[in-house]
Amino acid sequence: MRRQAIQRDIAVKYLATAAIVAAAAWAMASAASAHHSFAMFDRTKKVDIKGTVKEVQWTNPHVWLQLVVMQDGQAKVYDFEGGAVPVLKRFGWTRDTVKAGDTVTLTANPFKNGRAGGSIDFITLTDGRKIGGGDGIPGAVVVGGK
C-alpha cells in the first residue's frame, strides 16, 4: 500500500515537471516566432545617412535610433533599428556611445517599403570610429578606428 502511494507521488511529480517543461518550451517558441525577421530590410542595398541624433531607445529586444536629416530645407526623421543591447555591447556600444544632439553617419540596409530608415550596419561617430550595429546582418562588425 505504501509503495503504491510513493509510486503515485513520483508519477504526479513527473507529470507536473513534464507539464512545466512543455509550457516553458511553448513560451520560448512563441517568443521566438514573434521576433521579426530581416525581411523588411533590403539587404542588397546600403545607404549612408548623415544627421543629428534625435533619440536613442536603449531597450530590448532591439535598440532604435532616430536621426534628423535635413532634406530640401526640411527636417526629416529616420528610424533605424540596431541589435539587442547585449549584442551591441559586444560590438563596443554603451548607453552613452550615441546621444541626442550627436552628428553621426549611419550605414544601413534601408526598409524595402521606402520608409525613412533601416537596419544599422554600422555607425560612424564624430571622432571617426566605426562601430557595428550588431543586427545579425552580415557586415555588422566593428570596422576599425579613425
Protein backbone atom coordinates (compact mmCIF):
# COMPACT_ATOMS: atom_id res chain seq x y z
CA MET A 1 0.00 0.00 0.00
CA ARG A 2 2.72 2.45 1.00
CA ARG A 3 4.79 1.53 -2.06
CA GLN A 4 1.86 2.31 -4.36
CA ALA A 5 1.41 5.72 -2.72
CA ILE A 6 5.08 6.54 -3.24
CA GLN A 7 4.91 5.44 -6.89
CA ARG A 8 1.79 7.57 -7.39
CA ASP A 9 3.54 10.59 -5.82
CA ILE A 10 6.53 10.10 -8.13
CA ALA A 11 4.24 9.84 -11.16
CA VAL A 12 2.40 13.04 -10.19
CA LYS A 13 5.69 14.91 -9.69
CA TYR A 14 6.97 13.59 -13.04
CA LEU A 15 3.81 14.73 -14.84
CA ALA A 16 3.92 18.14 -13.16
CA THR A 17 7.57 18.59 -14.15
CA ALA A 18 6.82 17.49 -17.72
CA ALA A 19 3.93 19.98 -17.91
CA ILE A 20 6.15 22.82 -16.68
CA VAL A 21 8.88 21.94 -19.19
CA ALA A 22 6.33 21.76 -22.02
CA ALA A 23 4.85 25.14 -21.04
CA ALA A 24 8.31 26.72 -20.93
CA ALA A 25 9.18 25.28 -24.34
CA TRP A 26 5.91 26.59 -25.77
CA ALA A 27 6.53 30.06 -24.30
CA MET A 28 10.04 30.22 -25.77
CA ALA A 29 8.79 29.07 -29.17
CA SER A 30 6.04 31.71 -29.09
CA ALA A 31 8.55 34.42 -28.25
CA ALA A 32 10.91 33.28 -30.99
CA SER A 33 8.17 33.23 -33.61
CA ALA A 34 7.02 36.70 -32.53
CA HIS A 35 10.50 38.10 -33.21
CA HIS A 36 10.61 39.59 -36.68
CA SER A 37 12.88 38.57 -39.49
CA PHE A 38 15.04 40.89 -41.52
CA ALA A 39 12.64 40.59 -44.47
CA MET A 40 11.58 44.22 -44.08
CA PHE A 41 15.11 45.42 -44.93
CA ASP A 42 16.68 45.47 -48.38
CA ARG A 43 19.88 43.52 -47.77
CA THR A 44 21.05 44.18 -51.34
CA LYS A 45 21.39 47.91 -50.68
CA LYS A 46 23.42 50.03 -48.29
CA VAL A 47 22.75 53.70 -47.67
CA ASP A 48 24.85 56.27 -45.80
CA ILE A 49 22.71 58.76 -43.90
CA LYS A 50 24.26 61.68 -42.03
CA GLY A 51 22.23 63.53 -39.46
CA THR A 52 21.70 64.57 -35.88
CA VAL A 53 20.60 62.03 -33.30
CA LYS A 54 17.12 62.88 -32.02
CA GLU A 55 16.64 59.92 -29.68
CA VAL A 56 18.21 56.60 -28.73
CA GLN A 57 15.91 53.94 -27.30
CA TRP A 58 18.38 51.72 -25.42
CA THR A 59 15.95 48.83 -24.85
CA ASN A 60 15.44 45.19 -25.80
CA PRO A 61 14.58 43.45 -28.00
CA HIS A 62 16.31 45.98 -30.28
CA VAL A 63 17.85 49.40 -29.83
CA TRP A 64 16.26 52.08 -32.01
CA LEU A 65 17.89 55.31 -33.07
CA GLN A 66 16.08 58.31 -34.55
CA LEU A 67 18.12 60.55 -36.81
CA VAL A 68 17.07 64.01 -38.03
CA VAL A 69 18.23 64.58 -41.59
CA MET A 70 17.89 67.86 -43.49
CA GLN A 71 16.37 67.31 -46.94
CA ASP A 72 15.43 70.22 -49.18
CA GLY A 73 15.49 72.56 -46.18
CA GLN A 74 13.11 70.32 -44.21
CA ALA A 75 13.93 68.19 -41.18
CA LYS A 76 13.02 64.53 -41.77
CA VAL A 77 13.17 61.86 -39.06
CA TYR A 78 14.66 58.47 -39.94
CA ASP A 79 14.15 55.39 -37.76
CA PHE A 80 16.99 52.87 -37.52
CA GLU A 81 16.97 49.51 -35.81
CA GLY A 82 20.10 48.14 -34.17
CA GLY A 83 20.85 44.91 -32.38
CA ALA A 84 19.83 43.90 -28.89
CA VAL A 85 21.58 45.65 -26.00
CA PRO A 86 23.83 42.65 -25.16
CA VAL A 87 24.82 42.28 -28.82
CA LEU A 88 25.63 45.99 -29.17
CA LYS A 89 27.72 45.85 -26.01
CA ARG A 90 29.82 43.10 -27.60
CA PHE A 91 30.40 45.44 -30.56
CA GLY A 92 31.62 48.20 -28.23
CA TRP A 93 28.47 50.24 -27.74
CA THR A 94 27.49 51.66 -24.37
CA ARG A 95 24.39 53.58 -23.37
CA ASP A 96 26.41 56.78 -23.97
CA THR A 97 28.07 55.88 -27.30
CA VAL A 98 25.46 57.92 -29.15
CA LYS A 99 23.44 60.68 -27.52
CA ALA A 100 20.77 63.12 -28.63
CA GLY A 101 22.46 66.01 -30.42
CA ASP A 102 25.40 63.98 -31.78
CA THR A 103 26.08 64.21 -35.51
CA VAL A 104 26.70 60.74 -36.94
CA THR A 105 26.66 58.86 -40.22
CA LEU A 106 24.74 55.59 -40.32
CA THR A 107 25.39 52.92 -42.91
CA ALA A 108 22.26 50.83 -43.10
CA ASN A 109 20.16 48.44 -45.08
CA PRO A 110 17.07 50.54 -45.94
CA PHE A 111 13.47 49.50 -45.42
CA LYS A 112 12.09 47.78 -48.52
CA ASN A 113 8.88 49.81 -48.40
CA GLY A 114 10.71 53.14 -48.75
CA ARG A 115 10.14 54.22 -45.15
CA ALA A 116 12.88 56.56 -43.91
CA GLY A 117 15.40 54.43 -42.01
CA GLY A 118 16.52 50.83 -41.90
CA SER A 119 18.72 48.34 -40.12
CA ILE A 120 22.03 49.68 -38.79
CA ASP A 121 25.06 48.03 -40.35
CA PHE A 122 27.48 50.40 -38.65
CA ILE A 123 27.69 53.92 -37.33
CA THR A 124 30.48 56.41 -37.90
CA LEU A 125 30.94 58.63 -34.86
CA THR A 126 32.17 62.24 -34.97
CA ASP A 127 35.67 61.08 -33.97
CA GLY A 128 35.80 58.73 -36.99
CA ARG A 129 35.29 55.46 -35.11
CA LYS A 130 33.03 52.97 -36.84
CA ILE A 131 31.03 50.61 -34.65
CA GLY A 132 28.84 47.78 -35.92
CA GLY A 133 25.11 47.74 -35.42
CA GLY A 134 25.05 44.11 -34.43
CA ASP A 135 21.69 43.45 -36.04
CA GLY A 136 22.62 39.99 -37.24
CA ILE A 137 23.04 41.03 -40.85
CA PRO A 138 26.45 40.10 -42.29
CA GLY A 139 28.83 43.03 -42.15
CA ALA A 140 27.60 44.34 -38.81
CA VAL A 141 31.02 44.33 -37.18
CA VAL A 142 33.43 46.79 -35.67
CA VAL A 143 35.32 48.07 -38.68
CA GLY A 144 38.17 49.90 -37.03
CA GLY A 145 39.32 53.19 -35.61
CA LYS A 146 39.78 56.61 -37.10
